[in-house]
Amino acid sequence: MRYVMKQRLFCWGDDFAIKDEHGNDRFFVDGKAFSLGDQLSFQDMQGHELAYIRQRLLAWGPTYEIYRNGVVAAVIKKQLFTLLKCRFSVDVPGPNDPEAVGDFLDHEYAFERGGRVIATVSKRWFTWTDTYGVEIAPGEDEVLLLAATVVIDMACHGDRRNS
């Protein structure tokens, strides 16, 4: 499934609108303004919270937790010491954790699991705004991967928010 993710400008906090490939509104990410660390609510269009994103304070490097139904579903951490490529680990319960690898500053990266690409993120077709496409392989957890994409945006581009 393909999605178009756009960060809303001129708002308090980090807000993202997510549309499907047909232009239908699918999800909304509501950033909590004036909170200690980043905190966001990932919601469906009826306002039901599907995931909650919280920045882990007092961690080495950018680290975020994604909660579902009050339980940690994933911990996303930027790996600090890598050669040549920037990487984010996505630690989920159980084996086969996904990893995001690529050019995060230009929104050109992929989520991989076991050497197989499970999602790609690209700003290639949306160079004039904070908008980018996310394509997720069938059978993958769309909410988790879209929430991880929001986290990577905040970790890599947090200095340009609300400007």
Protein backbone atom coordinates (compact mmCIF):
# COMPACT_ATOMS: atom_id res chain seq x y z
CA MET A 1 0.00 0.00 0.00
CA ARG A 2 1.22 3.48 -0.80
CA TYR A 3 0.77 6.47 1.45
CA VAL A 4 1.50 10.18 1.18
CA MET A 5 2.67 11.74 4.43
CA LYS A 6 2.72 15.51 4.87
CA GLN A 7 3.85 17.44 7.90
CA ARG A 8 1.51 20.29 8.66
CA LEU A 9 3.21 23.65 8.87
CA PHE A 10 2.28 26.51 11.17
CA CYS A 11 0.89 24.34 13.95
CA TRP A 12 1.76 23.81 17.59
CA GLY A 13 3.62 20.52 17.85
CA ASP A 14 4.36 18.01 15.11
CA ASP A 15 1.23 17.17 13.13
CA PHE A 16 1.18 14.85 10.12
CA ALA A 17 -1.63 14.06 7.68
CA ILE A 18 -1.44 10.67 5.97
CA LYS A 19 -3.41 9.85 2.82
CA ASP A 20 -3.62 6.59 0.91
CA GLU A 21 -2.63 6.22 -2.73
CA HIS A 22 -6.15 7.25 -3.80
CA GLY A 23 -5.99 10.56 -1.93
CA ASN A 24 -8.26 9.45 0.93
CA ASP A 25 -7.41 10.66 4.44
CA ARG A 26 -6.34 7.59 6.43
CA PHE A 27 -4.44 8.71 9.52
CA PHE A 28 -3.60 11.82 11.52
CA VAL A 29 -0.63 12.24 13.83
CA ASP A 30 -1.24 14.82 16.54
CA GLY A 31 1.89 16.23 18.14
CA LYS A 32 1.57 17.34 21.75
CA ALA A 33 2.76 20.92 22.05
CA PHE A 34 4.67 22.07 25.10
CA SER A 35 5.54 18.56 26.29
CA LEU A 36 8.81 17.39 27.77
CA GLY A 37 10.26 15.49 24.82
CA ASP A 38 8.31 14.59 21.71
CA GLN A 39 4.90 13.00 22.29
CA LEU A 40 2.45 12.20 19.50
CA SER A 41 -0.86 10.41 19.09
CA PHE A 42 -1.24 8.34 15.89
CA GLN A 43 -4.97 8.26 15.13
CA ASP A 44 -7.45 7.01 12.57
CA MET A 45 -9.76 9.59 11.00
CA GLN A 46 -12.41 9.00 13.68
CA GLY A 47 -9.93 10.11 16.34
CA HIS A 48 -9.24 6.64 17.78
CA GLU A 49 -5.66 6.34 18.98
CA LEU A 50 -3.89 3.49 17.18
CA ALA A 51 -0.43 4.20 18.60
CA TYR A 52 1.26 6.63 20.94
CA ILE A 53 4.80 7.87 20.27
CA ARG A 54 7.01 9.12 23.10
CA GLN A 55 10.61 10.26 23.06
CA ARG A 56 12.71 8.47 25.64
CA LEU A 57 14.62 11.07 27.60
CA LEU A 58 18.03 10.36 29.09
CA ALA A 59 19.07 8.03 26.28
CA TRP A 60 22.23 7.92 24.18
CA GLY A 61 21.09 9.33 20.89
CA PRO A 62 17.54 9.78 19.59
CA THR A 63 15.33 7.04 21.05
CA TYR A 64 11.54 6.76 20.78
CA GLU A 65 8.94 4.29 22.03
CA ILE A 66 5.78 3.37 20.16
CA TYR A 67 2.94 2.18 22.38
CA ARG A 68 -0.17 0.26 21.37
CA ASN A 69 -2.91 -0.27 23.95
CA GLY A 70 -0.54 0.97 26.68
CA VAL A 71 2.18 -1.60 25.85
CA VAL A 72 5.51 -0.86 24.17
CA ALA A 73 5.21 -2.18 20.60
CA ALA A 74 8.58 -0.90 19.37
CA VAL A 75 11.65 1.06 20.41
CA ILE A 76 13.27 3.04 17.62
CA LYS A 77 16.85 4.14 18.11
CA LYS A 78 19.32 5.89 15.87
CA GLN A 79 22.50 3.86 15.81
CA LEU A 80 25.30 6.25 16.65
CA PHE A 81 28.36 4.39 15.44
CA THR A 82 27.88 3.15 11.89
CA LEU A 83 30.18 3.28 8.89
CA LEU A 84 29.03 4.99 5.70
CA LYS A 85 25.26 4.57 6.20
CA CYS A 86 22.96 5.99 8.82
CA ARG A 87 20.75 3.36 10.50
CA PHE A 88 17.78 3.20 12.82
CA SER A 89 16.93 0.00 14.65
CA VAL A 90 13.27 -0.86 15.20
CA ASP A 91 13.19 -3.21 18.19
CA VAL A 92 9.88 -5.09 18.28
CA PRO A 93 8.94 -7.99 20.57
CA GLY A 94 10.28 -11.26 19.20
CA PRO A 95 12.81 -11.95 16.45
CA ASN A 96 13.25 -10.35 13.02
CA ASP A 97 13.49 -6.69 13.95
CA PRO A 98 13.24 -4.27 11.04
CA GLU A 99 16.00 -1.75 10.39
CA ALA A 100 15.83 1.54 8.50
CA VAL A 101 18.82 2.24 6.24
CA GLY A 102 19.52 5.02 3.76
CA ASP A 103 19.64 8.78 3.34
CA PHE A 104 17.43 10.15 6.11
CA LEU A 105 18.22 13.82 5.51
CA ASP A 106 16.72 13.58 2.01
CA HIS A 107 13.91 11.16 2.96
CA GLU A 108 15.28 8.37 0.76
CA TYR A 109 15.49 5.19 2.81
CA ALA A 110 14.07 1.70 3.28
CA PHE A 111 12.92 -0.50 6.13
CA GLU A 112 14.50 -3.94 5.83
CA ARG A 113 13.98 -7.21 7.67
CA GLY A 114 16.31 -10.13 7.08
CA GLY A 115 17.74 -8.52 3.94
CA ARG A 116 14.24 -8.00 2.44
CA VAL A 117 12.79 -4.51 1.87
CA ILE A 118 9.44 -4.20 3.65
CA ALA A 119 8.87 -0.46 3.09
CA THR A 120 10.43 2.46 1.25
CA VAL A 121 10.27 6.18 2.00
CA SER A 122 10.91 8.73 -0.73
CA LYS A 123 10.64 12.48 -1.04
CA ARG A 124 11.72 12.29 -4.69
CA TRP A 125 8.33 13.32 -6.13
CA PHE A 126 7.57 15.95 -3.47
CA THR A 127 10.73 18.07 -3.37
CA TRP A 128 9.04 21.42 -2.76
CA THR A 129 7.28 20.60 0.53
CA ASP A 130 7.65 18.48 3.67
CA THR A 131 5.77 15.71 1.89
CA TYR A 132 6.94 12.22 1.02
CA GLY A 133 5.69 8.85 -0.12
CA VAL A 134 5.78 5.65 1.89
CA GLU A 135 5.25 2.30 0.18
CA ILE A 136 4.63 -0.68 2.46
CA ALA A 137 4.78 -4.32 1.36
CA PRO A 138 1.60 -6.40 1.70
CA GLY A 139 1.15 -8.06 5.07
CA GLU A 140 3.37 -5.62 6.96
CA ASP A 141 2.21 -3.56 9.96
CA GLU A 142 1.27 -0.28 8.29
CA VAL A 143 0.63 1.67 11.50
CA LEU A 144 3.97 0.63 13.00
CA LEU A 145 5.94 1.47 9.85
CA LEU A 146 4.18 4.82 9.36
CA ALA A 147 4.75 5.68 13.04
CA ALA A 148 8.43 4.72 12.63
CA THR A 149 8.62 7.04 9.61
CA VAL A 150 7.27 9.90 11.77
CA VAL A 151 9.89 9.09 14.43
CA ILE A 152 12.73 9.17 11.90
CA ASP A 153 11.48 12.51 10.59
CA MET A 154 11.53 13.96 14.11
CA ALA A 155 14.95 12.50 14.93
CA CYS A 156 16.55 13.77 11.71
CA HIS A 157 14.71 17.04 11.19
CA GLY A 158 13.73 18.18 14.68
CA ASP A 159 15.72 21.40 14.36
CA ARG A 160 13.48 22.76 11.55
CA ARG A 161 10.13 22.27 13.27
CA ASN A 162 7.73 25.11 13.85
CA SER A 163 9.76 27.51 11.78
